[in-house]
């Protein structure tokens, strides 16, 4: 899968509120009411990640979950990252 150019990355980020680029990854941080709710959100990430065979890097700190996506094999951002980010954004919608 081909790496995306910076212009394409910026265009795609425009349709993903709450996501931002950090180096060769896109990142979204979400704060929940408590630890249990944060873990429930992480558990909901399993199905779309497995279906895409593309797995986010996750950081959990009490009620705060940071989701980082990059295509490690390609060394940067690809279509796979934005497809999974869109699926995750749907899970995060109120």
C-alpha atoms as a PDB file:
ATOM      1  CA  UNK A   1       0.000   0.000   0.000  1.00  0.00           C
ATOM      2  CA  UNK A   2       1.381   3.400  -0.977  1.00  0.00           C
ATOM      3  CA  UNK A   3       2.229   6.178   1.430  1.00  0.00           C
ATOM      4  CA  UNK A   4      -0.038   9.216   1.195  1.00  0.00           C
ATOM      5  CA  UNK A   5       1.390  12.642   0.346  1.00  0.00           C
ATOM      6  CA  UNK A   6       1.118  15.526   2.787  1.00  0.00           C
ATOM      7  CA  UNK A   7      -1.641  17.233   0.780  1.00  0.00           C
ATOM      8  CA  UNK A   8      -3.759  14.086   0.803  1.00  0.00           C
ATOM      9  CA  UNK A   9      -3.137  13.597   4.544  1.00  0.00           C
ATOM     10  CA  UNK A  10      -4.294  17.138   5.272  1.00  0.00           C
ATOM     11  CA  UNK A  11      -7.368  16.715   3.067  1.00  0.00           C
ATOM     12  CA  UNK A  12      -8.371  13.520   4.825  1.00  0.00           C
ATOM     13  CA  UNK A  13      -7.761  14.983   8.281  1.00  0.00           C
ATOM     14  CA  UNK A  14     -10.273  17.683   7.367  1.00  0.00           C
ATOM     15  CA  UNK A  15     -13.037  15.080   7.518  1.00  0.00           C
ATOM     16  CA  UNK A  16     -11.845  13.578  10.820  1.00  0.00           C
ATOM     17  CA  UNK A  17     -12.560  16.053  13.641  1.00  0.00           C
ATOM     18  CA  UNK A  18     -10.403  15.451  16.690  1.00  0.00           C
ATOM     19  CA  UNK A  19      -7.610  13.735  14.763  1.00  0.00           C
ATOM     20  CA  UNK A  20      -4.253  15.359  14.157  1.00  0.00           C
ATOM     21  CA  UNK A  21      -1.015  14.422  12.493  1.00  0.00           C
ATOM     22  CA  UNK A  22       2.037  13.690  14.616  1.00  0.00           C
ATOM     23  CA  UNK A  23       5.074  12.878  12.538  1.00  0.00           C
ATOM     24  CA  UNK A  24       4.173   9.797  10.471  1.00  0.00           C
ATOM     25  CA  UNK A  25       0.976   8.987  12.373  1.00  0.00           C
ATOM     26  CA  UNK A  26      -2.486  10.324  13.092  1.00  0.00           C
ATOM     27  CA  UNK A  27      -3.620  10.621  16.690  1.00  0.00           C
ATOM     28  CA  UNK A  28      -6.884  11.137  18.529  1.00  0.00           C
ATOM     29  CA  UNK A  29      -7.324  11.531  22.265  1.00  0.00           C
ATOM     30  CA  UNK A  30     -10.636  10.939  23.969  1.00  0.00           C
ATOM     31  CA  UNK A  31     -11.534  11.600  27.612  1.00  0.00           C
ATOM     32  CA  UNK A  32     -14.288   9.529  29.205  1.00  0.00           C
ATOM     33  CA  UNK A  33     -16.237   9.797  32.443  1.00  0.00           C
ATOM     34  CA  UNK A  34     -14.185   7.088  34.141  1.00  0.00           C
ATOM     35  CA  UNK A  35     -11.849   4.117  33.653  1.00  0.00           C
ATOM     36  CA  UNK A  36     -14.660   1.632  32.997  1.00  0.00           C
ATOM     37  CA  UNK A  37     -16.078   3.754  30.173  1.00  0.00           C
ATOM     38  CA  UNK A  38     -12.607   4.222  28.677  1.00  0.00           C
ATOM     39  CA  UNK A  39     -11.991   0.470  28.653  1.00  0.00           C
ATOM     40  CA  UNK A  40     -15.428  -0.165  27.131  1.00  0.00           C
ATOM     41  CA  UNK A  41     -14.454   2.154  24.271  1.00  0.00           C
ATOM     42  CA  UNK A  42     -11.155   0.308  23.766  1.00  0.00           C
ATOM     43  CA  UNK A  43     -13.054  -2.986  23.646  1.00  0.00           C
ATOM     44  CA  UNK A  44     -15.286  -1.589  20.876  1.00  0.00           C
ATOM     45  CA  UNK A  45     -12.143  -0.907  18.816  1.00  0.00           C
ATOM     46  CA  UNK A  46     -11.323  -4.609  18.590  1.00  0.00           C
ATOM     47  CA  UNK A  47     -13.885  -5.587  15.941  1.00  0.00           C
ATOM     48  CA  UNK A  48     -13.129  -2.877  13.351  1.00  0.00           C
ATOM     49  CA  UNK A  49      -9.369  -3.261  13.877  1.00  0.00           C
ATOM     50  CA  UNK A  50      -9.530  -7.025  13.415  1.00  0.00           C
ATOM     51  CA  UNK A  51     -11.815  -6.689  10.384  1.00  0.00           C
ATOM     52  CA  UNK A  52      -9.300  -4.307   8.782  1.00  0.00           C
ATOM     53  CA  UNK A  53      -6.304  -6.363   9.939  1.00  0.00           C
ATOM     54  CA  UNK A  54      -4.867  -3.035  11.035  1.00  0.00           C
ATOM     55  CA  UNK A  55      -4.291  -2.375  14.716  1.00  0.00           C
ATOM     56  CA  UNK A  56      -3.941   0.973  16.485  1.00  0.00           C
ATOM     57  CA  UNK A  57      -1.370   1.794  19.115  1.00  0.00           C
ATOM     58  CA  UNK A  58      -3.310   2.559  22.288  1.00  0.00           C
ATOM     59  CA  UNK A  59      -2.424   4.442  25.428  1.00  0.00           C
ATOM     60  CA  UNK A  60      -4.793   4.322  28.391  1.00  0.00           C
ATOM     61  CA  UNK A  61      -4.403   6.554  31.417  1.00  0.00           C
ATOM     62  CA  UNK A  62      -7.400   6.221  33.748  1.00  0.00           C
ATOM     63  CA  UNK A  63     -10.172   7.888  31.717  1.00  0.00           C
ATOM     64  CA  UNK A  64      -8.049   9.075  28.784  1.00  0.00           C
ATOM     65  CA  UNK A  65      -7.488   6.951  25.663  1.00  0.00           C
ATOM     66  CA  UNK A  66      -5.019   7.958  22.971  1.00  0.00           C
ATOM     67  CA  UNK A  67      -5.367   6.173  19.628  1.00  0.00           C
ATOM     68  CA  UNK A  68      -2.414   6.327  17.235  1.00  0.00           C
ATOM     69  CA  UNK A  69      -2.548   5.003  13.684  1.00  0.00           C
ATOM     70  CA  UNK A  70       0.301   4.462  11.253  1.00  0.00           C
ATOM     71  CA  UNK A  71       1.161   1.729   8.776  1.00  0.00           C
ATOM     72  CA  UNK A  72       4.355   0.422  10.341  1.00  0.00           C
ATOM     73  CA  UNK A  73       5.241  -1.762   7.336  1.00  0.00           C
ATOM     74  CA  UNK A  74       5.175   1.298   5.059  1.00  0.00           C
ATOM     75  CA  UNK A  75       6.799   3.719   7.486  1.00  0.00           C
ATOM     76  CA  UNK A  76       3.962   6.240   7.484  1.00  0.00           C
ATOM     77  CA  UNK A  77       0.358   6.977   6.645  1.00  0.00           C
ATOM     78  CA  UNK A  78      -1.656   4.996   4.119  1.00  0.00           C
ATOM     79  CA  UNK A  79      -5.279   4.545   3.144  1.00  0.00           C
ATOM     80  CA  UNK A  80      -5.567   1.849   5.844  1.00  0.00           C
ATOM     81  CA  UNK A  81      -4.946   4.411   8.580  1.00  0.00           C
ATOM     82  CA  UNK A  82      -7.668   6.748   7.404  1.00  0.00           C
ATOM     83  CA  UNK A  83     -10.156   3.939   6.803  1.00  0.00           C
ATOM     84  CA  UNK A  84      -9.699   2.708  10.372  1.00  0.00           C
ATOM     85  CA  UNK A  85      -9.719   6.269  11.753  1.00  0.00           C
ATOM     86  CA  UNK A  86     -13.097   6.795  10.083  1.00  0.00           C
ATOM     87  CA  UNK A  87     -14.457   3.611  11.675  1.00  0.00           C
ATOM     88  CA  UNK A  88     -13.111   4.702  15.075  1.00  0.00           C
ATOM     89  CA  UNK A  89     -14.581   8.191  14.654  1.00  0.00           C
ATOM     90  CA  UNK A  90     -17.974   6.542  14.145  1.00  0.00           C
ATOM     91  CA  UNK A  91     -17.560   4.688  17.444  1.00  0.00           C
ATOM     92  CA  UNK A  92     -16.650   7.938  19.177  1.00  0.00           C
ATOM     93  CA  UNK A  93     -19.689   9.847  17.927  1.00  0.00           C
ATOM     94  CA  UNK A  94     -22.080  10.846  20.719  1.00  0.00           C
END
